[in-house]
Amino acid sequence: MRLNKRRVLPNSKEMVVNYNRRTPPDTIPEHNDPMRIDWTELPPDPSEAPKYITGKEALRIPDNSRPRYRLYWPITHGWVNEQDYESKRFLYHDIQTIIEEAVKSQLGLAIRDWAQYSCVFIIPDLYDKTYVTSLLNMGIAEFGFGRVSFFQESLAASFGAGYTTTCIVDIGAQKTSICCVEEGMCIENSRVNLKYGGQDVTETFIKMMLFDHFPYADINLKRRYDYLLAEELKQRFCTMNEADVSVQLFDFHLRASGQDTRKYTFKAYDEVLLAPLGFFKPAIFDGQGKLDGRRKLINRSYDIYDGKPNDPTSQAQAEILTAIAPAAAATTATNGANATNGANGHNNGPDEESKDLLQPRLQSFSRLQDGGSKTPLSSIAGSPAPELEATPQPDLKDTADGANDSDAEEPVSIERRDDILPVYPLDSAILTSIIHAARSSPQKTRDFLGGIMLIGGSSTIPGLAGHLEEALQALQPGYAKDVMIGRPPRELDAQVVVWKGGSVFGRMARTNDSW
């Protein structure tokens, strides 16, 4: 900030802490609160309460409701949420319930009429085949749609925005996806999927404010109303404009069911900028637990002929994973030698270096074997020796320990590793995607750098596009004049560009062969 001639007060932190310590909240009776919340009402008799509630109403259930409800998110971090479920059937049933209730309530369509409609499913660029086949079965067998089609999210965004050659950067709540699109096709080796988003910014911002004696010290993001409050604070106050960073006075209203509204005032300094800066310095985000439960219920997809995993892969994603955990790309023996340095598979916390933060676990290969299905993996190498023809794959845990070096399989390729959390600086990830999409063509590199489009709810942070542009220009000074970051055209909401593209795709006459 001093370099940019911004004024910096020397005692800013002390001013913030002292104010937050000594400012009590004001109580507002509910009948005097013009913005009071309509909580989800439940019948007086608990036995008559609905079995489930979906959508926004589920977030407005009082915490002390009778009966008590537990909140489930069947999709988290761009994956199905295997951690919070004990059964694959219940997991897919919840996804089916959410879609079914949304179509009924938002579109007003009775189930008996669904056979007259076609359905476009938006799927991730780097998708799991098992998830897509489950959606196909759900759409045809359970919902009874007349036709079903699948559409990748970045391609849908390009349809919604009307771009032909573009690099789509979709920053969501829990994941960020990057993909270059050219002439109606996702360039498969440019696909990148990172496991951070706006929710990480929310958590980091609240943690930083608690260090500054945030007046509402009892905030707990596992409570529904506190989670919604934290999201509101992030949307209102977080910015990446350096001109807005100064000691400022903010206020918010805490509304909880059965309690009077409380109005809090607090001061903040640079926390409003440091939290979203985590997109470019992701080591400050807490990745603890994001890999928990991965492959616990749903195993990866395997080719029925050669038995090899056949989920889509991307060279850009593989390069990022290799940069995060270089030891993971080496041979099995090298991985075993380095395992003691990276035995902590989940993040140690925001204070560790990013390289140490994401080291693979010792049990990395055994997790793939124990992920649910006991089907032995086939060797990526050539045909085995005659005496091994009917022998299943050896225990990969022993291989990782170096016990079976002579008979060891080749290690799992880096892009198929499930024990590495893909967290990487946003600017470097975009550049990696564009390099793999352009295939060493300077003209294509210029086209993609000049056609970057930011979408997703978390891309609306003020100043993010300008900061990203400066970061890309610093990484590629030779293309500095070509870098241009756009917003969705025609005043489209950045959160719905993908869905708009899906509706455009579904109405095009030329898409008949994709149903």
Protein backbone atom coordinates (compact mmCIF):
# COMPACT_ATOMS: atom_id res chain seq x y z
CA MET A 1 0.00 0.00 0.00
CA ARG A 2 2.89 2.36 0.71
CA LEU A 3 4.31 1.49 -2.70
CA ASN A 4 1.04 2.67 -4.27
CA LYS A 5 1.08 5.88 -2.21
CA ARG A 6 -1.73 4.68 0.06
CA ARG A 7 -1.94 6.20 3.51
CA VAL A 8 -1.21 3.68 6.28
CA LEU A 9 -1.91 4.59 9.90
CA PRO A 10 0.65 3.06 12.28
CA ASN A 11 -1.80 2.06 15.05
CA SER A 12 -4.70 0.80 12.95
CA LYS A 13 -4.86 -2.64 14.58
CA GLU A 14 -4.95 -1.17 18.09
CA MET A 15 -7.81 1.12 17.11
CA VAL A 16 -9.82 -1.83 15.78
CA VAL A 17 -9.21 -4.06 18.81
CA ASN A 18 -9.94 -1.34 21.37
CA TYR A 19 -13.21 -0.37 19.69
CA ASN A 20 -14.43 -3.95 19.31
CA ARG A 21 -13.64 -4.76 22.95
CA ARG A 22 -15.73 -2.03 24.48
CA THR A 23 -18.80 -1.78 22.22
CA PRO A 24 -21.88 -3.67 23.46
CA PRO A 25 -24.75 -4.55 21.09
CA ASP A 26 -28.09 -2.73 20.95
CA THR A 27 -31.26 -4.79 21.41
CA ILE A 28 -34.15 -4.23 19.01
CA PRO A 29 -37.57 -5.77 19.81
CA GLU A 30 -38.81 -8.00 17.03
CA HIS A 31 -41.85 -5.83 16.27
CA ASN A 32 -39.54 -2.86 15.65
CA ASP A 33 -37.28 -4.76 13.24
CA PRO A 34 -38.36 -3.94 9.66
CA MET A 35 -36.11 -6.65 8.18
CA ARG A 36 -37.15 -9.49 10.46
CA ILE A 37 -36.82 -12.99 9.07
CA ASP A 38 -39.69 -15.35 8.36
CA TRP A 39 -38.55 -18.61 9.93
CA THR A 40 -39.78 -21.93 8.61
CA GLU A 41 -42.94 -22.76 10.54
CA LEU A 42 -43.53 -26.30 11.78
CA PRO A 43 -46.87 -27.73 13.00
CA PRO A 44 -47.45 -27.75 16.80
CA ASP A 45 -47.64 -31.56 16.81
CA PRO A 46 -44.11 -32.95 16.10
CA SER A 47 -45.61 -36.11 14.62
CA GLU A 48 -47.14 -34.02 11.81
CA ALA A 49 -43.84 -32.35 10.88
CA PRO A 50 -42.57 -33.07 7.35
CA LYS A 51 -39.93 -35.76 6.98
CA TYR A 52 -37.62 -33.42 5.12
CA ILE A 53 -37.36 -29.76 4.10
CA THR A 54 -35.27 -28.61 1.13
CA GLY A 55 -33.94 -25.37 -0.28
CA LYS A 56 -33.86 -22.02 1.50
CA GLU A 57 -36.55 -23.15 3.94
CA ALA A 58 -34.10 -25.74 5.30
CA LEU A 59 -31.66 -22.97 6.25
CA ARG A 60 -34.40 -21.12 8.14
CA ILE A 61 -35.48 -23.95 10.45
CA PRO A 62 -35.14 -22.76 14.07
CA ASP A 63 -32.28 -24.46 15.91
CA ASN A 64 -34.60 -25.49 18.78
CA SER A 65 -37.31 -26.86 16.51
CA ARG A 66 -39.49 -29.83 17.47
CA PRO A 67 -38.60 -32.27 16.02
CA ARG A 68 -34.95 -31.40 15.53
CA TYR A 69 -33.63 -31.37 11.97
CA ARG A 70 -30.13 -32.08 10.82
CA LEU A 71 -28.81 -30.26 7.76
CA TYR A 72 -27.31 -32.40 4.97
CA TRP A 73 -25.40 -31.19 1.93
CA PRO A 74 -25.25 -34.15 -0.51
CA ILE A 75 -22.75 -32.33 -2.76
CA THR A 76 -19.72 -30.56 -1.27
CA HIS A 77 -16.49 -29.27 -2.86
CA GLY A 78 -17.80 -30.29 -6.28
CA TRP A 79 -17.96 -33.95 -5.20
CA VAL A 80 -20.72 -36.06 -3.75
CA ASN A 81 -20.49 -35.81 0.03
CA GLU A 82 -19.43 -39.28 1.13
CA GLN A 83 -18.23 -38.12 4.54
CA ASP A 84 -21.64 -37.40 6.12
CA TYR A 85 -23.49 -40.41 4.74
CA GLU A 86 -23.35 -44.06 5.70
CA SER A 87 -25.03 -45.38 2.57
CA LYS A 88 -24.66 -44.62 -1.13
CA ARG A 89 -28.40 -45.15 -1.54
CA PHE A 90 -29.27 -42.43 0.98
CA LEU A 91 -26.76 -40.06 -0.63
CA TYR A 92 -28.30 -40.35 -4.08
CA HIS A 93 -31.80 -40.31 -2.59
CA ASP A 94 -31.08 -36.87 -1.08
CA ILE A 95 -29.84 -35.55 -4.44
CA GLN A 96 -32.98 -36.92 -6.07
CA THR A 97 -35.19 -35.34 -3.39
CA ILE A 98 -33.63 -31.89 -3.80
CA ILE A 99 -34.05 -31.95 -7.60
CA GLU A 100 -37.59 -33.29 -7.35
CA GLU A 101 -38.71 -30.67 -4.81
CA ALA A 102 -37.05 -27.87 -6.80
CA VAL A 103 -38.84 -28.82 -10.02
CA LYS A 104 -42.16 -29.10 -8.18
CA SER A 105 -41.91 -25.85 -6.22
CA GLN A 106 -39.94 -23.59 -8.58
CA LEU A 107 -41.40 -24.74 -11.91
CA GLY A 108 -44.78 -25.92 -10.70
CA LEU A 109 -44.62 -29.20 -12.60
CA ALA A 110 -46.40 -32.29 -11.29
CA ILE A 111 -44.46 -35.54 -11.64
CA ARG A 112 -47.06 -36.99 -14.02
CA ASP A 113 -46.16 -34.28 -16.57
CA TRP A 114 -42.39 -34.83 -16.52
CA ALA A 115 -42.47 -37.34 -19.37
CA GLN A 116 -43.37 -34.45 -21.69
CA TYR A 117 -40.17 -32.56 -20.80
CA SER A 118 -36.51 -32.94 -21.62
CA CYS A 119 -33.85 -32.31 -18.97
CA VAL A 120 -30.34 -30.88 -19.36
CA PHE A 121 -28.00 -31.85 -16.51
CA ILE A 122 -25.03 -29.54 -15.93
CA ILE A 123 -22.01 -31.61 -14.86
CA PRO A 124 -18.45 -30.57 -13.87
CA ASP A 125 -15.75 -30.31 -16.52
CA LEU A 126 -13.69 -32.94 -14.66
CA TYR A 127 -16.53 -35.25 -13.68
CA ASP A 128 -16.74 -38.68 -12.09
CA LYS A 129 -18.31 -41.12 -14.53
CA THR A 130 -20.12 -42.93 -11.74
CA TYR A 131 -21.87 -39.69 -10.78
CA VAL A 132 -22.97 -39.05 -14.38
CA THR A 133 -24.33 -42.57 -14.86
CA SER A 134 -26.23 -42.22 -11.58
CA LEU A 135 -27.77 -38.96 -12.80
CA LEU A 136 -28.72 -40.63 -16.08
CA ASN A 137 -30.46 -43.45 -14.23
CA MET A 138 -32.16 -40.89 -11.97
CA GLY A 139 -33.40 -38.79 -14.90
CA ILE A 140 -34.76 -41.68 -16.97
CA ALA A 141 -35.83 -44.29 -14.42
CA GLU A 142 -36.76 -42.23 -11.34
CA PHE A 143 -37.99 -38.94 -12.79
CA GLY A 144 -39.23 -40.31 -16.12
CA PHE A 145 -38.06 -37.40 -18.28
CA GLY A 146 -38.69 -37.82 -21.99
CA ARG A 147 -35.01 -37.12 -22.85
CA VAL A 148 -31.85 -36.40 -20.90
CA SER A 149 -28.67 -34.61 -22.01
CA PHE A 150 -25.43 -33.78 -20.19
CA PHE A 151 -23.56 -30.51 -20.57
CA GLN A 152 -20.22 -29.49 -19.06
CA GLU A 153 -20.33 -26.36 -16.92
CA SER A 154 -17.66 -24.30 -18.72
CA LEU A 155 -19.21 -25.02 -22.10
CA ALA A 156 -22.60 -24.04 -20.69
CA ALA A 157 -21.10 -20.77 -19.44
CA SER A 158 -19.77 -19.98 -22.91
CA PHE A 159 -23.26 -20.63 -24.34
CA GLY A 160 -24.84 -18.39 -21.72
CA ALA A 161 -22.40 -15.54 -22.34
CA GLY A 162 -22.22 -15.99 -26.11
CA TYR A 163 -18.42 -16.40 -26.23
CA THR A 164 -16.77 -18.69 -28.77
CA THR A 165 -13.13 -18.62 -27.61
CA THR A 166 -12.81 -18.02 -23.91
CA CYS A 167 -11.22 -19.16 -20.65
CA ILE A 168 -14.00 -19.70 -18.10
CA VAL A 169 -13.03 -19.14 -14.44
CA ASP A 170 -15.91 -20.27 -12.23
CA ILE A 171 -15.35 -19.40 -8.54
CA GLY A 172 -18.08 -21.05 -6.51
CA ALA A 173 -18.71 -21.53 -2.82
CA GLN A 174 -16.48 -24.57 -2.31
CA LYS A 175 -14.71 -25.20 -5.60
CA THR A 176 -13.12 -23.25 -8.44
CA SER A 177 -13.09 -24.65 -11.97
CA ILE A 178 -11.06 -23.33 -14.91
CA CYS A 179 -11.42 -24.48 -18.50
CA CYS A 180 -10.66 -23.07 -21.95
CA VAL A 181 -13.46 -23.36 -24.50
CA GLU A 182 -12.93 -23.10 -28.24
CA GLU A 183 -15.60 -23.39 -30.94
CA GLY A 184 -18.12 -25.18 -28.76
CA MET A 185 -15.70 -27.67 -27.21
CA CYS A 186 -14.03 -27.85 -23.80
CA ILE A 187 -10.29 -28.34 -24.38
CA GLU A 188 -9.87 -31.40 -22.20
CA ASN A 189 -6.23 -30.88 -21.19
CA SER A 190 -6.99 -27.36 -19.94
CA ARG A 191 -9.50 -28.44 -17.29
CA VAL A 192 -8.57 -27.51 -13.71
CA ASN A 193 -10.59 -28.13 -10.55
CA LEU A 194 -9.47 -26.51 -7.28
CA LYS A 195 -11.05 -27.17 -3.90
CA TYR A 196 -11.52 -23.69 -2.50
CA GLY A 197 -14.05 -20.93 -2.97
CA GLY A 198 -16.16 -18.30 -1.29
CA GLN A 199 -16.87 -20.37 1.79
CA ASP A 200 -13.13 -20.48 2.57
CA VAL A 201 -13.08 -16.68 2.32
CA THR A 202 -16.01 -16.54 4.76
CA GLU A 203 -14.31 -18.78 7.32
CA THR A 204 -10.99 -16.94 7.02
CA PHE A 205 -12.66 -13.54 7.38
CA ILE A 206 -14.53 -14.60 10.54
CA LYS A 207 -11.35 -16.09 12.05
CA MET A 208 -9.44 -12.88 11.37
CA MET A 209 -12.21 -10.80 12.95
CA LEU A 210 -12.29 -13.03 16.03
CA PHE A 211 -8.57 -12.32 16.51
CA ASP A 212 -9.56 -8.64 16.56
CA HIS A 213 -12.10 -9.22 19.37
CA PHE A 214 -15.15 -9.37 17.11
CA PRO A 215 -18.05 -8.22 19.33
CA TYR A 216 -20.18 -11.29 18.50
CA ALA A 217 -17.61 -13.69 19.91
CA ASP A 218 -20.06 -16.63 20.10
CA ILE A 219 -20.45 -16.94 16.34
CA ASN A 220 -20.50 -20.59 15.27
CA LEU A 221 -20.61 -21.41 11.57
CA LYS A 222 -22.22 -24.78 12.30
CA ARG A 223 -25.38 -22.93 13.41
CA ARG A 224 -27.63 -22.16 10.49
CA TYR A 225 -28.33 -18.51 11.30
CA ASP A 226 -24.66 -17.82 12.12
CA TYR A 227 -23.58 -19.38 8.82
CA LEU A 228 -25.99 -17.13 6.91
CA LEU A 229 -24.79 -14.11 8.92
CA ALA A 230 -21.14 -14.88 8.09
CA GLU A 231 -21.99 -15.14 4.38
CA GLU A 232 -23.77 -11.80 4.57
CA LEU A 233 -20.75 -10.15 6.26
CA LYS A 234 -18.45 -11.45 3.54
CA GLN A 235 -20.69 -10.24 0.74
CA ARG A 236 -21.13 -6.79 2.26
CA PHE A 237 -17.64 -5.97 3.49
CA CYS A 238 -14.95 -8.05 1.71
CA THR A 239 -13.18 -6.23 -1.11
CA MET A 240 -9.95 -6.33 -3.11
CA ASN A 241 -9.83 -2.59 -3.78
CA GLU A 242 -6.85 -1.20 -1.90
CA ALA A 243 -8.51 2.22 -1.77
CA ASP A 244 -11.19 0.74 0.52
CA VAL A 245 -8.70 -0.57 3.09
CA SER A 246 -8.75 1.69 6.14
CA VAL A 247 -10.13 1.60 9.66
CA GLN A 248 -13.88 1.60 8.98
CA LEU A 249 -16.98 1.27 11.11
CA PHE A 250 -19.46 -1.42 10.10
CA ASP A 251 -22.68 -2.76 11.58
CA PHE A 252 -24.85 -5.84 11.24
CA HIS A 253 -28.01 -7.29 12.75
CA LEU A 254 -28.06 -10.70 14.42
CA ARG A 255 -31.44 -12.38 14.00
CA ALA A 256 -32.10 -15.71 15.71
CA SER A 257 -35.39 -17.52 16.15
CA GLY A 258 -37.08 -16.76 19.48
CA GLN A 259 -34.64 -13.93 20.34
CA ASP A 260 -34.75 -10.17 19.99
CA THR A 261 -32.68 -8.71 17.17
CA ARG A 262 -29.27 -7.43 18.24
CA LYS A 263 -27.45 -4.69 16.37
CA TYR A 264 -23.64 -4.89 16.57
CA THR A 265 -21.13 -2.28 15.45
CA PHE A 266 -17.50 -3.18 14.85
CA LYS A 267 -14.40 -1.86 13.19
CA ALA A 268 -12.22 -3.66 10.66
CA TYR A 269 -8.98 -2.77 8.93
CA ASP A 270 -7.21 -4.99 6.39
CA GLU A 271 -9.16 -8.20 7.11
CA VAL A 272 -11.65 -7.25 4.39
CA LEU A 273 -8.83 -7.54 1.82
CA LEU A 274 -6.68 -10.29 3.35
CA ALA A 275 -9.47 -12.89 3.39
CA PRO A 276 -10.21 -12.83 -0.38
CA LEU A 277 -6.46 -12.56 -1.02
CA GLY A 278 -6.45 -16.25 -0.11
CA PHE A 279 -7.40 -17.02 -3.71
CA PHE A 280 -3.83 -16.00 -4.58
CA LYS A 281 -2.21 -17.25 -1.34
CA PRO A 282 -4.28 -20.37 -0.64
CA ALA A 283 -2.00 -21.51 2.18
CA ILE A 284 -4.02 -19.27 4.53
CA PHE A 285 -7.17 -21.31 3.87
CA ASP A 286 -7.87 -24.20 6.22
CA GLY A 287 -8.24 -27.37 4.15
CA GLN A 288 -8.67 -29.67 7.13
CA GLY A 289 -11.20 -32.41 6.45
CA LYS A 290 -11.89 -31.66 2.79
CA LEU A 291 -10.63 -35.09 1.73
CA ASP A 292 -12.31 -36.99 4.56
CA GLY A 293 -14.56 -39.76 3.29
CA ARG A 294 -13.37 -39.55 -0.31
CA ARG A 295 -14.08 -42.90 -2.04
CA LYS A 296 -15.67 -44.23 1.17
CA LEU A 297 -18.95 -45.13 -0.52
CA ILE A 298 -18.47 -44.69 -4.25
CA ASN A 299 -15.47 -46.20 -5.96
CA ARG A 300 -14.00 -44.73 -9.12
CA SER A 301 -15.17 -45.93 -12.53
CA TYR A 302 -13.19 -48.69 -14.29
CA ASP A 303 -13.11 -49.70 -17.92
CA ILE A 304 -14.95 -53.00 -18.35
CA TYR A 305 -12.35 -54.33 -20.81
CA ASP A 306 -8.93 -53.53 -19.38
CA GLY A 307 -9.93 -52.73 -15.77
CA LYS A 308 -8.18 -49.35 -15.76
CA PRO A 309 -9.75 -46.21 -14.24
CA ASN A 310 -11.52 -44.26 -16.98
CA ASP A 311 -12.58 -41.02 -15.31
CA PRO A 312 -11.57 -37.97 -17.39
CA THR A 313 -8.08 -36.60 -16.79
CA SER A 314 -6.36 -33.34 -17.66
CA GLN A 315 -2.70 -32.51 -18.18
CA ALA A 316 -3.20 -29.09 -16.55
CA GLN A 317 -4.66 -30.68 -13.44
CA ALA A 318 -1.86 -33.25 -13.37
CA GLU A 319 0.76 -30.50 -13.58
CA ILE A 320 -0.83 -28.66 -10.65
CA LEU A 321 -1.00 -31.82 -8.54
CA THR A 322 2.64 -32.55 -9.35
CA ALA A 323 3.62 -29.03 -8.26
CA ILE A 324 1.69 -29.40 -5.01
CA ALA A 325 3.16 -32.79 -4.12
CA PRO A 326 6.28 -33.47 -6.20
CA ALA A 327 6.93 -36.70 -4.31
CA ALA A 328 3.60 -38.06 -5.48
CA ALA A 329 4.72 -38.10 -9.11
CA ALA A 330 7.87 -40.08 -8.40
CA THR A 331 8.20 -43.86 -8.26
CA THR A 332 6.70 -45.91 -5.50
CA ALA A 333 10.04 -46.45 -3.82
CA THR A 334 10.75 -42.72 -3.75
CA ASN A 335 7.30 -42.12 -2.32
CA GLY A 336 7.99 -44.63 0.45
CA ALA A 337 11.26 -42.91 1.31
CA ASN A 338 9.58 -39.53 1.60
CA ALA A 339 6.45 -40.77 3.39
CA THR A 340 7.64 -39.77 6.84
CA ASN A 341 7.91 -36.14 5.70
CA GLY A 342 4.33 -36.08 4.44
CA ALA A 343 2.50 -38.48 6.73
CA ASN A 344 -0.12 -35.83 7.48
CA GLY A 345 -2.49 -36.15 4.54
CA HIS A 346 -4.81 -33.30 5.54
CA ASN A 347 -3.81 -29.72 6.02
CA ASN A 348 -2.01 -28.91 9.26
CA GLY A 349 -3.62 -25.48 9.45
CA PRO A 350 -3.23 -22.02 7.99
CA ASP A 351 0.22 -21.45 9.52
CA GLU A 352 2.04 -24.18 7.55
CA GLU A 353 3.79 -23.64 4.22
CA SER A 354 1.63 -24.68 1.28
CA LYS A 355 4.14 -27.30 0.15
CA ASP A 356 4.16 -29.06 3.51
CA LEU A 357 0.42 -28.46 3.80
CA LEU A 358 -0.40 -30.80 0.94
CA GLN A 359 2.08 -33.64 1.22
CA PRO A 360 0.60 -37.10 0.52
CA ARG A 361 -0.10 -39.63 3.24
CA LEU A 362 1.71 -42.88 3.77
CA GLN A 363 -1.53 -44.79 3.26
CA SER A 364 -2.30 -43.02 -0.01
CA PHE A 365 -2.28 -46.08 -2.24
CA SER A 366 -4.11 -48.33 0.20
CA ARG A 367 -7.02 -45.88 0.28
CA LEU A 368 -7.69 -46.58 -3.39
CA GLN A 369 -7.88 -50.30 -2.65
CA ASP A 370 -10.14 -49.87 0.39
CA GLY A 371 -12.41 -47.18 -1.05
CA GLY A 372 -15.50 -49.42 -1.20
CA SER A 373 -15.19 -51.81 -4.13
CA LYS A 374 -12.79 -54.76 -3.73
CA THR A 375 -12.23 -55.06 -7.47
CA PRO A 376 -8.46 -55.36 -7.97
CA LEU A 377 -6.84 -52.63 -10.05
CA SER A 378 -5.17 -53.67 -13.28
CA SER A 379 -1.54 -52.90 -13.92
CA ILE A 380 -0.83 -49.77 -15.94
CA ALA A 381 2.30 -51.54 -17.18
CA GLY A 382 2.22 -54.19 -19.90
CA SER A 383 0.99 -57.75 -19.50
CA PRO A 384 2.22 -59.45 -16.31
CA ALA A 385 4.51 -62.47 -16.19
CA PRO A 386 2.79 -65.86 -16.72
CA GLU A 387 2.86 -66.82 -13.04
CA LEU A 388 0.96 -63.60 -12.16
CA GLU A 389 -1.85 -63.96 -14.71
CA ALA A 390 -4.47 -65.08 -12.19
CA THR A 391 -3.03 -63.15 -9.26
CA PRO A 392 -4.83 -60.02 -8.09
CA GLN A 393 -2.88 -56.82 -7.54
CA PRO A 394 -0.56 -57.03 -4.49
CA ASP A 395 -1.38 -55.03 -1.38
CA LEU A 396 -0.40 -51.50 -2.26
CA LYS A 397 0.37 -50.65 1.37
CA ASP A 398 3.24 -53.14 1.25
CA THR A 399 4.37 -51.59 -2.01
CA ALA A 400 4.41 -48.14 -0.43
CA ASP A 401 6.59 -49.54 2.35
CA GLY A 402 9.01 -50.90 -0.22
CA ALA A 403 8.32 -54.52 0.72
CA ASN A 404 7.46 -55.83 -2.76
CA ASP A 405 9.80 -53.76 -4.91
CA SER A 406 10.47 -56.61 -7.32
CA ASP A 407 6.77 -57.33 -8.05
CA ALA A 408 5.50 -53.76 -7.54
CA GLU A 409 2.93 -52.23 -9.84
CA GLU A 410 3.56 -48.82 -11.31
CA PRO A 411 2.29 -46.10 -8.97
CA VAL A 412 -1.13 -44.59 -9.48
CA SER A 413 -0.84 -41.74 -11.98
CA ILE A 414 -0.83 -38.32 -10.38
CA GLU A 415 -4.18 -37.17 -11.78
CA ARG A 416 -5.91 -40.22 -10.27
CA ARG A 417 -4.61 -39.62 -6.76
CA ASP A 418 -7.31 -39.01 -4.16
CA ASP A 419 -5.06 -38.05 -1.26
CA ILE A 420 -3.82 -34.74 -2.69
CA LEU A 421 -6.01 -31.70 -2.09
CA PRO A 422 -5.94 -29.55 -5.27
CA VAL A 423 -5.24 -26.09 -3.84
CA TYR A 424 -3.16 -23.72 -5.99
CA PRO A 425 -2.91 -19.93 -6.54
CA LEU A 426 -5.70 -18.78 -8.85
CA ASP A 427 -3.49 -16.76 -11.21
CA SER A 428 -0.99 -19.61 -11.67
CA ALA A 429 -3.80 -22.11 -12.22
CA ILE A 430 -5.37 -19.96 -14.96
CA LEU A 431 -2.00 -19.62 -16.68
CA THR A 432 -1.41 -23.39 -16.48
CA SER A 433 -4.81 -24.02 -18.06
CA ILE A 434 -4.17 -21.56 -20.90
CA ILE A 435 -0.70 -22.95 -21.63
CA HIS A 436 -2.11 -26.47 -22.06
CA ALA A 437 -5.01 -25.17 -24.16
CA ALA A 438 -2.87 -23.07 -26.51
CA ARG A 439 -0.40 -25.89 -27.29
CA SER A 440 2.54 -23.48 -27.67
CA SER A 441 0.64 -21.27 -30.11
CA PRO A 442 1.31 -17.57 -29.30
CA GLN A 443 -1.85 -16.47 -31.10
CA LYS A 444 -4.08 -18.88 -29.16
CA THR A 445 -2.39 -17.82 -25.93
CA ARG A 446 -3.31 -14.20 -26.71
CA ASP A 447 -6.88 -15.20 -27.57
CA PHE A 448 -7.41 -17.04 -24.28
CA LEU A 449 -5.66 -14.38 -22.16
CA GLY A 450 -7.88 -11.76 -23.80
CA GLY A 451 -11.05 -13.78 -23.27
CA ILE A 452 -10.97 -14.69 -19.56
CA MET A 453 -14.47 -14.56 -18.07
CA LEU A 454 -15.08 -14.58 -14.31
CA ILE A 455 -18.33 -16.23 -13.23
CA GLY A 456 -19.67 -17.79 -10.06
CA GLY A 457 -21.02 -16.18 -6.91
CA SER A 458 -17.59 -15.58 -5.37
CA SER A 459 -16.32 -13.76 -8.47
CA THR A 460 -18.45 -10.75 -7.49
CA ILE A 461 -16.00 -9.61 -4.79
CA PRO A 462 -15.23 -5.97 -5.69
CA GLY A 463 -11.80 -5.50 -7.24
CA LEU A 464 -11.13 -9.21 -7.83
CA ALA A 465 -10.98 -8.86 -11.63
CA GLY A 466 -8.50 -5.97 -11.47
CA HIS A 467 -6.25 -7.77 -8.98
CA LEU A 468 -6.31 -10.96 -11.08
CA GLU A 469 -5.44 -8.97 -14.19
CA GLU A 470 -2.41 -7.42 -12.49
CA ALA A 471 -1.29 -10.82 -11.20
CA LEU A 472 -1.49 -12.40 -14.67
CA GLN A 473 0.41 -9.48 -16.21
CA ALA A 474 3.16 -9.94 -13.63
CA LEU A 475 3.39 -13.67 -14.43
CA GLN A 476 3.43 -13.11 -18.21
CA PRO A 477 4.94 -9.68 -18.89
CA GLY A 478 5.33 -10.57 -22.57
CA TYR A 479 1.55 -10.84 -22.92
CA ALA A 480 0.69 -8.00 -20.52
CA LYS A 481 -1.16 -6.00 -23.18
CA ASP A 482 -3.30 -8.99 -24.14
CA VAL A 483 -4.65 -9.85 -20.68
CA MET A 484 -8.30 -8.87 -20.38
CA ILE A 485 -10.82 -10.15 -17.85
CA GLY A 486 -14.49 -9.79 -18.66
CA ARG A 487 -17.75 -10.08 -16.82
CA PRO A 488 -20.89 -11.83 -18.08
CA PRO A 489 -22.56 -9.67 -20.75
CA ARG A 490 -26.08 -8.25 -20.80
CA GLU A 491 -26.06 -7.65 -17.03
CA LEU A 492 -26.34 -11.39 -16.39
CA ASP A 493 -25.95 -12.49 -12.79
CA ALA A 494 -22.57 -14.26 -12.52
CA GLN A 495 -24.20 -17.04 -10.51
CA VAL A 496 -26.67 -18.09 -13.22
CA VAL A 497 -24.65 -17.81 -16.45
CA VAL A 498 -24.12 -21.59 -16.50
CA TRP A 499 -27.84 -22.31 -16.08
CA LYS A 500 -28.69 -19.75 -18.74
CA GLY A 501 -26.32 -21.57 -21.11
CA GLY A 502 -28.00 -24.88 -20.29
CA SER A 503 -31.40 -23.47 -21.22
CA VAL A 504 -30.01 -22.09 -24.49
CA PHE A 505 -28.44 -25.47 -25.28
CA GLY A 506 -31.69 -27.32 -24.59
CA ARG A 507 -33.59 -25.21 -27.11
CA MET A 508 -31.11 -25.49 -29.99
CA ALA A 509 -32.28 -27.60 -32.90
CA ARG A 510 -28.77 -28.94 -33.57
CA THR A 511 -28.49 -30.63 -30.16
CA ASN A 512 -30.93 -33.42 -31.04
CA ASP A 513 -28.09 -35.93 -31.40
CA SER A 514 -26.92 -35.32 -27.82
CA TRP A 515 -30.14 -36.40 -26.14
